[in-house]
Amino acid sequence: MINSSLQTFANNVQAAGRISFGDVKRLQRDILPDGISSREEVELLLTLAQTVGRADRAFGDWLVATMVDFVVWGTRPTGVIDGETASWLTPFLVGQRTTKTMRRLARELAAEGDHSGTALPSPALDGASGDCASAQVAMELTPLAA
């Protein structure tokens, strides 16, 4: 279930078309002081990152750190990005609206989490956008053969 103040924040940001530094501070201090607590909140925040026209760099910094904390360290098994989680995140990380923040998030998730033989699928295989950035993200998340 999404925190109602987070939903209100998202509605206001969407209407404004931007996320300011003050918005990021409000998000950290008042709306999600303990970080992300559900997949619904993740999806809302990632959708905002993809659809808002302008966002202060602080939003990307906060979002990446908070996402890594939730996805890698806040869910079981701790420290592992399993196949189901990778499948859930794939549309955000390699979709048609891939942003610099999404690419950075993908790199950080790859660096922090143990993939245990699973990876986000290649855009060439799943029909996602074939742009170089998306291909780079998928390559970074694909574990090397031993």
N, C-alpha and C. Protein backbone atom coordinates (compact mmCIF):
# COMPACT_ATOMS: atom_id res chain seq x y z
N MET A 1 0.84 -1.18 0.00
CA MET A 1 0.00 0.00 0.00
C MET A 1 0.89 1.25 0.00
N ILE A 2 0.55 2.20 -0.82
CA ILE A 2 1.34 3.42 -0.94
C ILE A 2 0.93 4.42 0.14
N ASN A 3 1.93 4.98 0.76
CA ASN A 3 1.76 6.05 1.75
C ASN A 3 0.97 7.18 1.08
N SER A 4 -0.10 7.65 1.69
CA SER A 4 -0.94 8.68 1.07
C SER A 4 -0.17 9.99 0.85
N SER A 5 0.76 10.33 1.74
CA SER A 5 1.54 11.54 1.54
C SER A 5 2.50 11.38 0.36
N LEU A 6 2.96 10.15 0.10
CA LEU A 6 3.80 9.91 -1.08
C LEU A 6 2.98 10.08 -2.35
N GLN A 7 1.76 9.58 -2.33
CA GLN A 7 0.88 9.73 -3.50
C GLN A 7 0.59 11.21 -3.76
N THR A 8 0.33 11.97 -2.71
CA THR A 8 0.09 13.41 -2.85
C THR A 8 1.33 14.10 -3.40
N PHE A 9 2.50 13.73 -2.87
CA PHE A 9 3.77 14.28 -3.37
C PHE A 9 3.91 13.99 -4.87
N ALA A 10 3.66 12.74 -5.26
CA ALA A 10 3.79 12.35 -6.67
C ALA A 10 2.83 13.15 -7.55
N ASN A 11 1.61 13.32 -7.10
CA ASN A 11 0.62 14.10 -7.87
C ASN A 11 1.09 15.54 -8.05
N ASN A 12 1.62 16.14 -6.98
CA ASN A 12 2.09 17.53 -7.05
C ASN A 12 3.29 17.67 -7.97
N VAL A 13 4.20 16.73 -7.88
CA VAL A 13 5.41 16.76 -8.72
C VAL A 13 5.03 16.58 -10.20
N GLN A 14 4.12 15.66 -10.46
CA GLN A 14 3.65 15.44 -11.83
C GLN A 14 3.01 16.72 -12.38
N ALA A 15 2.20 17.37 -11.58
CA ALA A 15 1.54 18.60 -12.02
C ALA A 15 2.56 19.70 -12.30
N ALA A 16 3.59 19.79 -11.46
CA ALA A 16 4.62 20.81 -11.64
C ALA A 16 5.57 20.47 -12.78
N GLY A 17 5.72 19.18 -13.07
CA GLY A 17 6.63 18.75 -14.14
C GLY A 17 8.10 18.77 -13.75
N ARG A 18 8.36 18.90 -12.45
CA ARG A 18 9.76 18.94 -12.00
C ARG A 18 9.85 18.51 -10.54
N ILE A 19 11.05 18.08 -10.16
CA ILE A 19 11.34 17.75 -8.77
C ILE A 19 12.48 18.66 -8.34
N SER A 20 12.20 19.55 -7.40
CA SER A 20 13.20 20.51 -6.94
C SER A 20 14.02 19.92 -5.79
N PHE A 21 15.08 20.63 -5.43
CA PHE A 21 15.89 20.24 -4.28
C PHE A 21 15.03 20.22 -3.02
N GLY A 22 14.16 21.21 -2.87
CA GLY A 22 13.26 21.26 -1.72
C GLY A 22 12.31 20.06 -1.69
N ASP A 23 11.85 19.62 -2.87
CA ASP A 23 10.99 18.43 -2.95
C ASP A 23 11.75 17.20 -2.45
N VAL A 24 13.01 17.09 -2.82
CA VAL A 24 13.82 15.95 -2.40
C VAL A 24 13.99 15.96 -0.89
N LYS A 25 14.28 17.12 -0.32
CA LYS A 25 14.44 17.22 1.13
C LYS A 25 13.14 16.86 1.85
N ARG A 26 12.01 17.31 1.32
CA ARG A 26 10.70 16.99 1.92
C ARG A 26 10.45 15.48 1.84
N LEU A 27 10.80 14.89 0.72
CA LEU A 27 10.65 13.45 0.54
C LEU A 27 11.48 12.69 1.57
N GLN A 28 12.73 13.11 1.76
CA GLN A 28 13.62 12.45 2.72
C GLN A 28 13.17 12.68 4.16
N ARG A 29 12.84 13.89 4.49
CA ARG A 29 12.57 14.27 5.88
C ARG A 29 11.16 13.91 6.34
N ASP A 30 10.16 14.17 5.51
CA ASP A 30 8.77 14.06 5.95
C ASP A 30 8.01 12.86 5.39
N ILE A 31 8.27 12.50 4.15
CA ILE A 31 7.43 11.50 3.49
C ILE A 31 7.99 10.08 3.64
N LEU A 32 9.28 9.91 3.39
CA LEU A 32 9.89 8.58 3.51
C LEU A 32 11.16 8.65 4.38
N PRO A 33 11.03 9.08 5.62
CA PRO A 33 12.23 9.23 6.46
C PRO A 33 12.94 7.91 6.74
N ASP A 34 12.22 6.81 6.68
CA ASP A 34 12.82 5.50 6.92
C ASP A 34 13.10 4.75 5.62
N GLY A 35 12.98 5.43 4.49
CA GLY A 35 13.23 4.80 3.20
C GLY A 35 11.98 4.16 2.62
N ILE A 36 12.20 3.42 1.56
CA ILE A 36 11.12 2.75 0.84
C ILE A 36 10.70 1.51 1.62
N SER A 37 9.39 1.27 1.65
CA SER A 37 8.90 0.12 2.41
C SER A 37 8.09 -0.88 1.58
N SER A 38 7.86 -0.59 0.30
CA SER A 38 7.08 -1.53 -0.51
C SER A 38 7.42 -1.39 -1.99
N ARG A 39 7.09 -2.42 -2.74
CA ARG A 39 7.29 -2.38 -4.18
C ARG A 39 6.42 -1.31 -4.84
N GLU A 40 5.25 -1.07 -4.29
CA GLU A 40 4.37 -0.04 -4.85
C GLU A 40 5.04 1.33 -4.77
N GLU A 41 5.71 1.59 -3.64
CA GLU A 41 6.43 2.86 -3.50
C GLU A 41 7.58 2.93 -4.50
N VAL A 42 8.28 1.82 -4.69
CA VAL A 42 9.36 1.76 -5.68
C VAL A 42 8.82 2.10 -7.06
N GLU A 43 7.74 1.46 -7.45
CA GLU A 43 7.17 1.67 -8.77
C GLU A 43 6.74 3.12 -8.97
N LEU A 44 6.15 3.71 -7.96
CA LEU A 44 5.73 5.11 -8.05
C LEU A 44 6.94 6.03 -8.22
N LEU A 45 7.98 5.80 -7.44
CA LEU A 45 9.17 6.64 -7.52
C LEU A 45 9.91 6.46 -8.85
N LEU A 46 10.01 5.22 -9.32
CA LEU A 46 10.67 4.99 -10.61
C LEU A 46 9.87 5.59 -11.76
N THR A 47 8.56 5.53 -11.66
CA THR A 47 7.71 6.15 -12.68
C THR A 47 7.91 7.66 -12.67
N LEU A 48 8.00 8.25 -11.50
CA LEU A 48 8.28 9.69 -11.41
C LEU A 48 9.62 10.01 -12.06
N ALA A 49 10.63 9.21 -11.76
CA ALA A 49 11.97 9.44 -12.32
C ALA A 49 11.95 9.39 -13.84
N GLN A 50 11.08 8.57 -14.40
CA GLN A 50 11.01 8.42 -15.85
C GLN A 50 10.13 9.46 -16.52
N THR A 51 9.16 10.01 -15.81
CA THR A 51 8.17 10.87 -16.48
C THR A 51 8.28 12.35 -16.18
N VAL A 52 8.91 12.71 -15.07
CA VAL A 52 9.02 14.13 -14.73
C VAL A 52 10.07 14.77 -15.65
N GLY A 53 9.71 15.91 -16.20
CA GLY A 53 10.58 16.58 -17.17
C GLY A 53 11.94 16.99 -16.62
N ARG A 54 11.97 17.54 -15.41
CA ARG A 54 13.22 17.99 -14.80
C ARG A 54 13.26 17.54 -13.36
N ALA A 55 14.44 17.08 -12.95
CA ALA A 55 14.61 16.69 -11.56
C ALA A 55 15.98 17.13 -11.08
N ASP A 56 16.03 17.69 -9.90
CA ASP A 56 17.29 18.07 -9.29
C ASP A 56 18.15 16.81 -9.15
N ARG A 57 19.46 16.98 -9.31
CA ARG A 57 20.38 15.84 -9.21
C ARG A 57 20.24 15.13 -7.86
N ALA A 58 19.88 15.86 -6.83
CA ALA A 58 19.71 15.26 -5.50
C ALA A 58 18.64 14.17 -5.52
N PHE A 59 17.65 14.29 -6.39
CA PHE A 59 16.62 13.26 -6.48
C PHE A 59 17.23 11.96 -6.98
N GLY A 60 18.01 12.03 -8.04
CA GLY A 60 18.66 10.83 -8.57
C GLY A 60 19.58 10.19 -7.55
N ASP A 61 20.36 11.02 -6.85
CA ASP A 61 21.27 10.50 -5.83
C ASP A 61 20.49 9.78 -4.73
N TRP A 62 19.42 10.43 -4.25
CA TRP A 62 18.61 9.84 -3.19
C TRP A 62 17.93 8.57 -3.68
N LEU A 63 17.36 8.62 -4.88
CA LEU A 63 16.61 7.48 -5.41
C LEU A 63 17.51 6.26 -5.57
N VAL A 64 18.69 6.44 -6.13
CA VAL A 64 19.60 5.32 -6.33
C VAL A 64 19.99 4.71 -4.99
N ALA A 65 20.40 5.54 -4.04
CA ALA A 65 20.81 5.03 -2.73
C ALA A 65 19.66 4.32 -2.02
N THR A 66 18.48 4.89 -2.07
CA THR A 66 17.32 4.31 -1.39
C THR A 66 16.88 3.02 -2.07
N MET A 67 16.93 2.99 -3.39
CA MET A 67 16.56 1.78 -4.13
C MET A 67 17.51 0.64 -3.84
N VAL A 68 18.81 0.92 -3.85
CA VAL A 68 19.78 -0.13 -3.55
C VAL A 68 19.54 -0.66 -2.14
N ASP A 69 19.30 0.24 -1.22
CA ASP A 69 19.03 -0.18 0.16
C ASP A 69 17.81 -1.09 0.22
N PHE A 70 16.74 -0.73 -0.47
CA PHE A 70 15.51 -1.53 -0.43
C PHE A 70 15.67 -2.84 -1.19
N VAL A 71 16.14 -2.78 -2.44
CA VAL A 71 16.19 -3.97 -3.29
C VAL A 71 17.25 -4.96 -2.83
N VAL A 72 18.44 -4.47 -2.51
CA VAL A 72 19.53 -5.38 -2.17
C VAL A 72 19.54 -5.76 -0.69
N TRP A 73 19.36 -4.77 0.18
CA TRP A 73 19.54 -5.02 1.61
C TRP A 73 18.25 -5.11 2.40
N GLY A 74 17.14 -4.63 1.85
CA GLY A 74 15.90 -4.60 2.61
C GLY A 74 14.94 -5.74 2.32
N THR A 75 15.24 -6.57 1.34
CA THR A 75 14.36 -7.69 1.00
C THR A 75 15.13 -9.00 1.14
N ARG A 76 14.40 -10.06 1.34
CA ARG A 76 15.00 -11.39 1.48
C ARG A 76 15.10 -12.05 0.12
N PRO A 77 16.08 -12.81 -0.18
CA PRO A 77 17.29 -12.99 0.61
C PRO A 77 18.16 -11.74 0.56
N THR A 78 18.68 -11.35 1.70
CA THR A 78 19.48 -10.13 1.81
C THR A 78 20.73 -10.23 0.95
N GLY A 79 21.01 -9.16 0.21
CA GLY A 79 22.21 -9.08 -0.60
C GLY A 79 22.10 -9.75 -1.96
N VAL A 80 20.94 -10.30 -2.27
CA VAL A 80 20.75 -11.05 -3.51
C VAL A 80 19.64 -10.42 -4.35
N ILE A 81 19.89 -10.32 -5.64
CA ILE A 81 18.83 -9.90 -6.57
C ILE A 81 18.42 -11.16 -7.31
N ASP A 82 17.30 -11.73 -6.93
CA ASP A 82 16.86 -12.99 -7.53
C ASP A 82 16.17 -12.74 -8.87
N GLY A 83 15.86 -13.81 -9.55
CA GLY A 83 15.24 -13.72 -10.88
C GLY A 83 13.92 -12.98 -10.87
N GLU A 84 13.11 -13.21 -9.85
CA GLU A 84 11.80 -12.57 -9.78
C GLU A 84 11.96 -11.05 -9.60
N THR A 85 12.90 -10.65 -8.77
CA THR A 85 13.15 -9.22 -8.56
C THR A 85 13.70 -8.58 -9.83
N ALA A 86 14.62 -9.29 -10.49
CA ALA A 86 15.17 -8.78 -11.75
C ALA A 86 14.07 -8.61 -12.80
N SER A 87 13.16 -9.57 -12.88
CA SER A 87 12.04 -9.46 -13.82
C SER A 87 11.14 -8.28 -13.50
N TRP A 88 10.93 -8.04 -12.22
CA TRP A 88 10.10 -6.92 -11.79
C TRP A 88 10.73 -5.58 -12.17
N LEU A 89 12.05 -5.45 -12.04
CA LEU A 89 12.74 -4.19 -12.31
C LEU A 89 13.04 -3.94 -13.79
N THR A 90 13.07 -4.99 -14.59
CA THR A 90 13.45 -4.88 -15.99
C THR A 90 12.73 -3.77 -16.76
N PRO A 91 11.41 -3.67 -16.69
CA PRO A 91 10.74 -2.62 -17.47
C PRO A 91 11.20 -1.20 -17.13
N PHE A 92 11.60 -0.99 -15.89
CA PHE A 92 12.06 0.34 -15.49
C PHE A 92 13.48 0.61 -15.96
N LEU A 93 14.32 -0.41 -15.95
CA LEU A 93 15.74 -0.21 -16.23
C LEU A 93 16.11 -0.26 -17.69
N VAL A 94 15.34 -0.95 -18.52
CA VAL A 94 15.68 -1.05 -19.93
C VAL A 94 14.52 -0.71 -20.85
N GLY A 95 13.53 -0.02 -20.34
CA GLY A 95 12.37 0.36 -21.15
C GLY A 95 12.66 1.53 -22.07
N GLN A 96 11.65 1.96 -22.74
CA GLN A 96 11.79 3.06 -23.70
C GLN A 96 12.11 4.38 -23.03
N ARG A 97 11.80 4.53 -21.75
CA ARG A 97 12.04 5.79 -21.03
C ARG A 97 13.25 5.68 -20.10
N THR A 98 14.28 4.93 -20.51
CA THR A 98 15.47 4.79 -19.69
C THR A 98 16.15 6.15 -19.56
N THR A 99 16.43 6.54 -18.33
CA THR A 99 17.07 7.82 -18.05
C THR A 99 18.47 7.58 -17.47
N LYS A 100 19.22 8.66 -17.30
CA LYS A 100 20.54 8.54 -16.68
C LYS A 100 20.42 7.96 -15.28
N THR A 101 19.39 8.35 -14.57
CA THR A 101 19.19 7.83 -13.22
C THR A 101 18.93 6.33 -13.26
N MET A 102 18.15 5.85 -14.22
CA MET A 102 17.87 4.42 -14.34
C MET A 102 19.14 3.65 -14.68
N ARG A 103 19.95 4.21 -15.57
CA ARG A 103 21.22 3.54 -15.92
C ARG A 103 22.14 3.49 -14.71
N ARG A 104 22.20 4.57 -13.96
CA ARG A 104 23.01 4.60 -12.75
C ARG A 104 22.49 3.61 -11.72
N LEU A 105 21.20 3.52 -11.57
CA LEU A 105 20.59 2.57 -10.66
C LEU A 105 20.98 1.14 -11.06
N ALA A 106 20.90 0.84 -12.34
CA ALA A 106 21.26 -0.49 -12.82
C ALA A 106 22.72 -0.82 -12.48
N ARG A 107 23.61 0.14 -12.68
CA ARG A 107 25.02 -0.09 -12.35
C ARG A 107 25.21 -0.34 -10.86
N GLU A 108 24.53 0.44 -10.03
CA GLU A 108 24.67 0.28 -8.58
C GLU A 108 24.08 -1.04 -8.10
N LEU A 109 22.95 -1.44 -8.65
CA LEU A 109 22.37 -2.73 -8.29
C LEU A 109 23.31 -3.87 -8.68
N ALA A 110 23.92 -3.75 -9.86
CA ALA A 110 24.87 -4.77 -10.31
C ALA A 110 26.08 -4.83 -9.40
N ALA A 111 26.53 -3.68 -8.93
CA ALA A 111 27.71 -3.63 -8.08
C ALA A 111 27.43 -4.14 -6.67
N GLU A 112 26.25 -3.86 -6.14
CA GLU A 112 25.92 -4.19 -4.75
C GLU A 112 25.34 -5.58 -4.55
N GLY A 113 24.51 -6.02 -5.48
CA GLY A 113 23.78 -7.27 -5.27
C GLY A 113 24.43 -8.47 -5.91
N ASP A 114 24.30 -9.61 -5.26
CA ASP A 114 24.72 -10.89 -5.82
C ASP A 114 23.56 -11.38 -6.68
N HIS A 115 23.86 -11.67 -7.93
CA HIS A 115 22.79 -12.06 -8.85
C HIS A 115 22.52 -13.55 -8.88
N SER A 116 23.38 -14.35 -8.27
CA SER A 116 23.18 -15.80 -8.16
C SER A 116 22.74 -16.42 -9.48
N GLY A 117 23.40 -16.05 -10.55
CA GLY A 117 23.11 -16.65 -11.85
C GLY A 117 21.94 -16.01 -12.58
N THR A 118 21.29 -15.02 -11.99
CA THR A 118 20.18 -14.36 -12.67
C THR A 118 20.63 -12.96 -13.10
N ALA A 119 20.00 -12.44 -14.10
CA ALA A 119 20.31 -11.09 -14.56
C ALA A 119 19.09 -10.53 -15.24
N LEU A 120 19.10 -9.23 -15.39
CA LEU A 120 18.03 -8.62 -16.17
C LEU A 120 18.23 -9.04 -17.61
N PRO A 121 17.17 -9.34 -18.32
CA PRO A 121 17.31 -9.81 -19.70
C PRO A 121 17.85 -8.73 -20.62
N SER A 122 18.51 -9.18 -21.67
CA SER A 122 19.04 -8.27 -22.68
C SER A 122 17.89 -7.65 -23.45
N PRO A 123 17.99 -6.35 -23.78
CA PRO A 123 16.92 -5.71 -24.55
C PRO A 123 16.72 -6.39 -25.91
N ALA A 124 17.77 -6.95 -26.46
CA ALA A 124 17.65 -7.62 -27.76
C ALA A 124 16.78 -8.87 -27.65
N LEU A 125 16.77 -9.50 -26.48
CA LEU A 125 16.01 -10.72 -26.30
C LEU A 125 14.56 -10.47 -25.91
N ASP A 126 14.31 -9.39 -25.18
CA ASP A 126 12.95 -9.19 -24.69
C ASP A 126 12.16 -8.15 -25.48
N GLY A 127 12.73 -7.64 -26.58
CA GLY A 127 12.01 -6.71 -27.42
C GLY A 127 12.00 -5.29 -26.92
N ALA A 128 12.77 -4.99 -25.88
CA ALA A 128 12.84 -3.62 -25.37
C ALA A 128 13.61 -2.75 -26.34
N SER A 129 13.68 -1.48 -26.03
CA SER A 129 14.38 -0.52 -26.87
C SER A 129 15.80 -0.98 -27.15
N GLY A 130 16.26 -0.80 -28.36
CA GLY A 130 17.58 -1.26 -28.76
C GLY A 130 18.64 -0.19 -28.71
N ASP A 131 18.40 0.91 -28.01
CA ASP A 131 19.40 1.96 -27.98
C ASP A 131 20.62 1.52 -27.19
N CYS A 132 21.74 2.17 -27.44
CA CYS A 132 23.01 1.79 -26.85
C CYS A 132 22.97 1.83 -25.32
N ALA A 133 22.31 2.82 -24.77
CA ALA A 133 22.27 2.94 -23.31
C ALA A 133 21.58 1.74 -22.69
N SER A 134 20.47 1.30 -23.27
CA SER A 134 19.77 0.15 -22.72
C SER A 134 20.60 -1.11 -22.86
N ALA A 135 21.28 -1.25 -23.99
CA ALA A 135 22.14 -2.41 -24.18
C ALA A 135 23.27 -2.41 -23.16
N GLN A 136 23.83 -1.23 -22.88
CA GLN A 136 24.90 -1.13 -21.90
C GLN A 136 24.41 -1.54 -20.52
N VAL A 137 23.22 -1.11 -20.14
CA VAL A 137 22.66 -1.47 -18.84
C VAL A 137 22.52 -2.98 -18.75
N ALA A 138 21.97 -3.60 -19.76
CA ALA A 138 21.76 -5.05 -19.73
C ALA A 138 23.09 -5.78 -19.66
N MET A 139 24.08 -5.30 -20.39
CA MET A 139 25.39 -5.95 -20.37
C MET A 139 26.00 -5.83 -18.99
N GLU A 140 25.84 -4.70 -18.33
CA GLU A 140 26.41 -4.51 -17.01
C GLU A 140 25.75 -5.40 -15.98
N LEU A 141 24.49 -5.75 -16.20
CA LEU A 141 23.77 -6.56 -15.24
C LEU A 141 23.88 -8.06 -15.53
N THR A 142 24.45 -8.42 -16.68
CA THR A 142 24.60 -9.81 -17.02
C THR A 142 25.88 -10.34 -16.42
N PRO A 143 25.81 -11.37 -15.56
CA PRO A 143 27.02 -11.88 -14.94
C PRO A 143 27.95 -12.52 -15.98
N LEU A 144 29.23 -12.41 -15.75
CA LEU A 144 30.21 -13.02 -16.63
C LEU A 144 30.22 -14.53 -16.41
N ALA A 145 30.44 -15.26 -17.49
CA ALA A 145 30.52 -16.72 -17.37
C ALA A 145 31.80 -17.08 -16.63
N ALA A 146 31.73 -18.09 -15.81
CA ALA A 146 32.90 -18.48 -15.00
C ALA A 146 33.89 -19.26 -15.80
